[in-house]
Amino acid sequence: MDTQKILEEYGLSRETTTKYIDTITRSNQTQTAEELDVSRQTVSRYKKAFQEMKAQERLLLISTLTQEKLLNQATE
């Protein structure tokens, strides 16, 4: 299973998905939309995509993209 294939299958962008994962864990959908500067409809679409994913796909995306974000922050 490949992270990029999962993103493509659900029509998600890597950058927005990474931000979505980070923000949705501490904010509601309205606050997430405001912080990401996207519409609530976009946040709802991401939420629906995550709900449709198999648990294994969801876990792979969350762990991979969170790890990438943390590594990028550490090297800045």
N, C-alpha and C. Protein backbone atom coordinates (compact mmCIF):
# COMPACT_ATOMS: atom_id res chain seq x y z
N MET A 1 0.85 -1.18 0.00
CA MET A 1 0.00 0.00 0.00
C MET A 1 0.89 1.24 0.00
N ASP A 2 0.56 2.18 -0.84
CA ASP A 2 1.37 3.38 -1.05
C ASP A 2 0.57 4.62 -0.70
N THR A 3 1.18 5.53 0.04
CA THR A 3 0.52 6.76 0.47
C THR A 3 0.00 7.56 -0.71
N GLN A 4 0.81 7.73 -1.74
CA GLN A 4 0.40 8.53 -2.90
C GLN A 4 -0.80 7.89 -3.59
N LYS A 5 -0.83 6.57 -3.70
CA LYS A 5 -1.96 5.89 -4.33
C LYS A 5 -3.25 6.11 -3.54
N ILE A 6 -3.15 6.09 -2.22
CA ILE A 6 -4.32 6.32 -1.37
C ILE A 6 -4.83 7.75 -1.58
N LEU A 7 -3.91 8.71 -1.57
CA LEU A 7 -4.30 10.10 -1.80
C LEU A 7 -5.00 10.26 -3.15
N GLU A 8 -4.44 9.66 -4.17
CA GLU A 8 -5.03 9.76 -5.51
C GLU A 8 -6.39 9.07 -5.56
N GLU A 9 -6.50 7.91 -4.94
CA GLU A 9 -7.76 7.15 -4.95
C GLU A 9 -8.91 7.96 -4.35
N TYR A 10 -8.61 8.73 -3.31
CA TYR A 10 -9.65 9.51 -2.64
C TYR A 10 -9.67 10.97 -3.08
N GLY A 11 -8.84 11.33 -4.04
CA GLY A 11 -8.82 12.69 -4.59
C GLY A 11 -8.36 13.74 -3.60
N LEU A 12 -7.35 13.39 -2.79
CA LEU A 12 -6.85 14.29 -1.76
C LEU A 12 -5.45 14.79 -2.13
N SER A 13 -5.15 16.01 -1.73
CA SER A 13 -3.80 16.53 -1.95
C SER A 13 -2.95 16.22 -0.72
N ARG A 14 -1.69 15.97 -0.94
CA ARG A 14 -0.78 15.62 0.15
C ARG A 14 -0.68 16.77 1.17
N GLU A 15 -0.50 17.98 0.68
CA GLU A 15 -0.31 19.14 1.56
C GLU A 15 -1.55 19.40 2.41
N THR A 16 -2.71 19.43 1.77
CA THR A 16 -3.93 19.72 2.52
C THR A 16 -4.26 18.57 3.48
N THR A 17 -4.00 17.34 3.07
CA THR A 17 -4.26 16.21 3.96
C THR A 17 -3.38 16.29 5.20
N THR A 18 -2.13 16.65 5.03
CA THR A 18 -1.23 16.80 6.16
C THR A 18 -1.74 17.87 7.12
N LYS A 19 -2.14 19.00 6.57
CA LYS A 19 -2.67 20.08 7.40
C LYS A 19 -4.00 19.67 8.05
N TYR A 20 -4.84 18.96 7.30
CA TYR A 20 -6.13 18.50 7.82
C TYR A 20 -5.92 17.59 9.03
N ILE A 21 -5.02 16.64 8.92
CA ILE A 21 -4.74 15.71 10.02
C ILE A 21 -4.31 16.47 11.26
N ASP A 22 -3.43 17.42 11.08
CA ASP A 22 -2.93 18.19 12.21
C ASP A 22 -4.03 19.04 12.84
N THR A 23 -4.81 19.71 12.03
CA THR A 23 -5.79 20.66 12.53
C THR A 23 -7.04 20.00 13.08
N ILE A 24 -7.54 18.97 12.43
CA ILE A 24 -8.82 18.38 12.84
C ILE A 24 -8.71 17.71 14.21
N THR A 25 -7.51 17.35 14.62
CA THR A 25 -7.35 16.71 15.92
C THR A 25 -7.51 17.68 17.08
N ARG A 26 -7.47 18.99 16.78
CA ARG A 26 -7.59 19.97 17.86
C ARG A 26 -8.66 21.02 17.60
N SER A 27 -9.37 20.91 16.48
CA SER A 27 -10.37 21.91 16.14
C SER A 27 -11.62 21.25 15.55
N ASN A 28 -12.71 22.00 15.53
CA ASN A 28 -13.90 21.47 14.85
C ASN A 28 -13.79 21.79 13.36
N GLN A 29 -14.81 21.37 12.59
CA GLN A 29 -14.73 21.54 11.14
C GLN A 29 -14.66 23.00 10.71
N THR A 30 -15.42 23.86 11.36
CA THR A 30 -15.41 25.28 11.00
C THR A 30 -14.04 25.89 11.27
N GLN A 31 -13.47 25.61 12.43
CA GLN A 31 -12.15 26.14 12.77
C GLN A 31 -11.09 25.57 11.84
N THR A 32 -11.22 24.30 11.49
CA THR A 32 -10.28 23.67 10.56
C THR A 32 -10.33 24.37 9.21
N ALA A 33 -11.53 24.63 8.70
CA ALA A 33 -11.67 25.32 7.41
C ALA A 33 -11.02 26.69 7.46
N GLU A 34 -11.23 27.41 8.55
CA GLU A 34 -10.64 28.74 8.69
C GLU A 34 -9.12 28.67 8.75
N GLU A 35 -8.60 27.74 9.52
CA GLU A 35 -7.14 27.63 9.67
C GLU A 35 -6.47 27.20 8.37
N LEU A 36 -7.12 26.31 7.62
CA LEU A 36 -6.54 25.84 6.35
C LEU A 36 -6.86 26.77 5.19
N ASP A 37 -7.72 27.76 5.44
CA ASP A 37 -8.16 28.69 4.41
C ASP A 37 -8.82 27.96 3.24
N VAL A 38 -9.74 27.04 3.60
CA VAL A 38 -10.54 26.30 2.63
C VAL A 38 -12.00 26.39 3.08
N SER A 39 -12.89 25.96 2.22
CA SER A 39 -14.31 26.00 2.57
C SER A 39 -14.66 24.85 3.53
N ARG A 40 -15.78 25.00 4.22
CA ARG A 40 -16.26 23.92 5.08
C ARG A 40 -16.60 22.71 4.23
N GLN A 41 -17.00 22.95 2.99
CA GLN A 41 -17.31 21.85 2.07
C GLN A 41 -16.05 21.01 1.81
N THR A 42 -14.91 21.66 1.66
CA THR A 42 -13.66 20.93 1.46
C THR A 42 -13.34 20.09 2.69
N VAL A 43 -13.50 20.66 3.87
CA VAL A 43 -13.24 19.92 5.10
C VAL A 43 -14.19 18.73 5.20
N SER A 44 -15.45 18.93 4.84
CA SER A 44 -16.42 17.83 4.86
C SER A 44 -16.03 16.73 3.88
N ARG A 45 -15.50 17.13 2.73
CA ARG A 45 -15.06 16.14 1.73
C ARG A 45 -13.89 15.31 2.27
N TYR A 46 -12.97 15.98 2.96
CA TYR A 46 -11.84 15.26 3.55
C TYR A 46 -12.32 14.32 4.65
N LYS A 47 -13.24 14.80 5.46
CA LYS A 47 -13.79 13.97 6.53
C LYS A 47 -14.46 12.73 5.95
N LYS A 48 -15.25 12.93 4.92
CA LYS A 48 -15.94 11.80 4.27
C LYS A 48 -14.93 10.82 3.68
N ALA A 49 -13.89 11.35 3.05
CA ALA A 49 -12.86 10.47 2.47
C ALA A 49 -12.20 9.63 3.55
N PHE A 50 -11.90 10.24 4.68
CA PHE A 50 -11.28 9.50 5.78
C PHE A 50 -12.23 8.44 6.32
N GLN A 51 -13.52 8.73 6.36
CA GLN A 51 -14.49 7.76 6.83
C GLN A 51 -14.63 6.59 5.87
N GLU A 52 -14.45 6.83 4.57
CA GLU A 52 -14.58 5.79 3.56
C GLU A 52 -13.34 4.88 3.48
N MET A 53 -12.22 5.37 3.96
CA MET A 53 -10.98 4.60 3.90
C MET A 53 -11.06 3.38 4.82
N LYS A 54 -10.33 2.37 4.41
CA LYS A 54 -10.11 1.24 5.31
C LYS A 54 -9.22 1.73 6.44
N ALA A 55 -9.34 1.12 7.60
CA ALA A 55 -8.55 1.53 8.76
C ALA A 55 -7.07 1.53 8.43
N GLN A 56 -6.61 0.54 7.70
CA GLN A 56 -5.20 0.43 7.35
C GLN A 56 -4.75 1.61 6.48
N GLU A 57 -5.59 2.02 5.54
CA GLU A 57 -5.26 3.17 4.69
C GLU A 57 -5.19 4.44 5.53
N ARG A 58 -6.17 4.63 6.38
CA ARG A 58 -6.22 5.82 7.24
C ARG A 58 -4.99 5.89 8.13
N LEU A 59 -4.65 4.77 8.76
CA LEU A 59 -3.48 4.74 9.65
C LEU A 59 -2.19 5.02 8.89
N LEU A 60 -2.07 4.47 7.70
CA LEU A 60 -0.87 4.71 6.89
C LEU A 60 -0.74 6.20 6.56
N LEU A 61 -1.84 6.82 6.12
CA LEU A 61 -1.78 8.25 5.80
C LEU A 61 -1.42 9.08 7.02
N ILE A 62 -2.11 8.83 8.12
CA ILE A 62 -1.87 9.62 9.33
C ILE A 62 -0.44 9.47 9.80
N SER A 63 0.05 8.25 9.87
CA SER A 63 1.41 8.05 10.38
C SER A 63 2.47 8.59 9.42
N THR A 64 2.31 8.34 8.14
CA THR A 64 3.31 8.79 7.16
C THR A 64 3.36 10.31 7.07
N LEU A 65 2.19 10.93 6.92
CA LEU A 65 2.18 12.38 6.74
C LEU A 65 2.56 13.13 8.01
N THR A 66 2.20 12.59 9.16
CA THR A 66 2.61 13.21 10.42
C THR A 66 4.12 13.11 10.60
N GLN A 67 4.67 11.96 10.27
CA GLN A 67 6.12 11.77 10.37
C GLN A 67 6.85 12.73 9.43
N GLU A 68 6.36 12.87 8.20
CA GLU A 68 6.98 13.78 7.25
C GLU A 68 6.94 15.23 7.76
N LYS A 69 5.81 15.61 8.32
CA LYS A 69 5.67 16.98 8.86
C LYS A 69 6.65 17.21 9.98
N LEU A 70 6.77 16.26 10.89
CA LEU A 70 7.69 16.41 12.02
C LEU A 70 9.14 16.45 11.55
N LEU A 71 9.50 15.65 10.57
CA LEU A 71 10.86 15.66 10.04
C LEU A 71 11.16 17.00 9.37
N ASN A 72 10.19 17.53 8.64
CA ASN A 72 10.37 18.85 7.99
C ASN A 72 10.55 19.95 9.02
N GLN A 73 9.79 19.88 10.09
CA GLN A 73 9.91 20.90 11.16
C GLN A 73 11.27 20.80 11.84
N ALA A 74 11.76 19.60 12.00
CA ALA A 74 13.04 19.40 12.68
C ALA A 74 14.22 19.90 11.84
N THR A 75 14.06 19.91 10.53
CA THR A 75 15.16 20.33 9.66
C THR A 75 15.07 21.80 9.25
N GLU A 76 14.05 22.50 9.70
CA GLU A 76 13.91 23.92 9.34
C GLU A 76 14.80 24.79 10.21
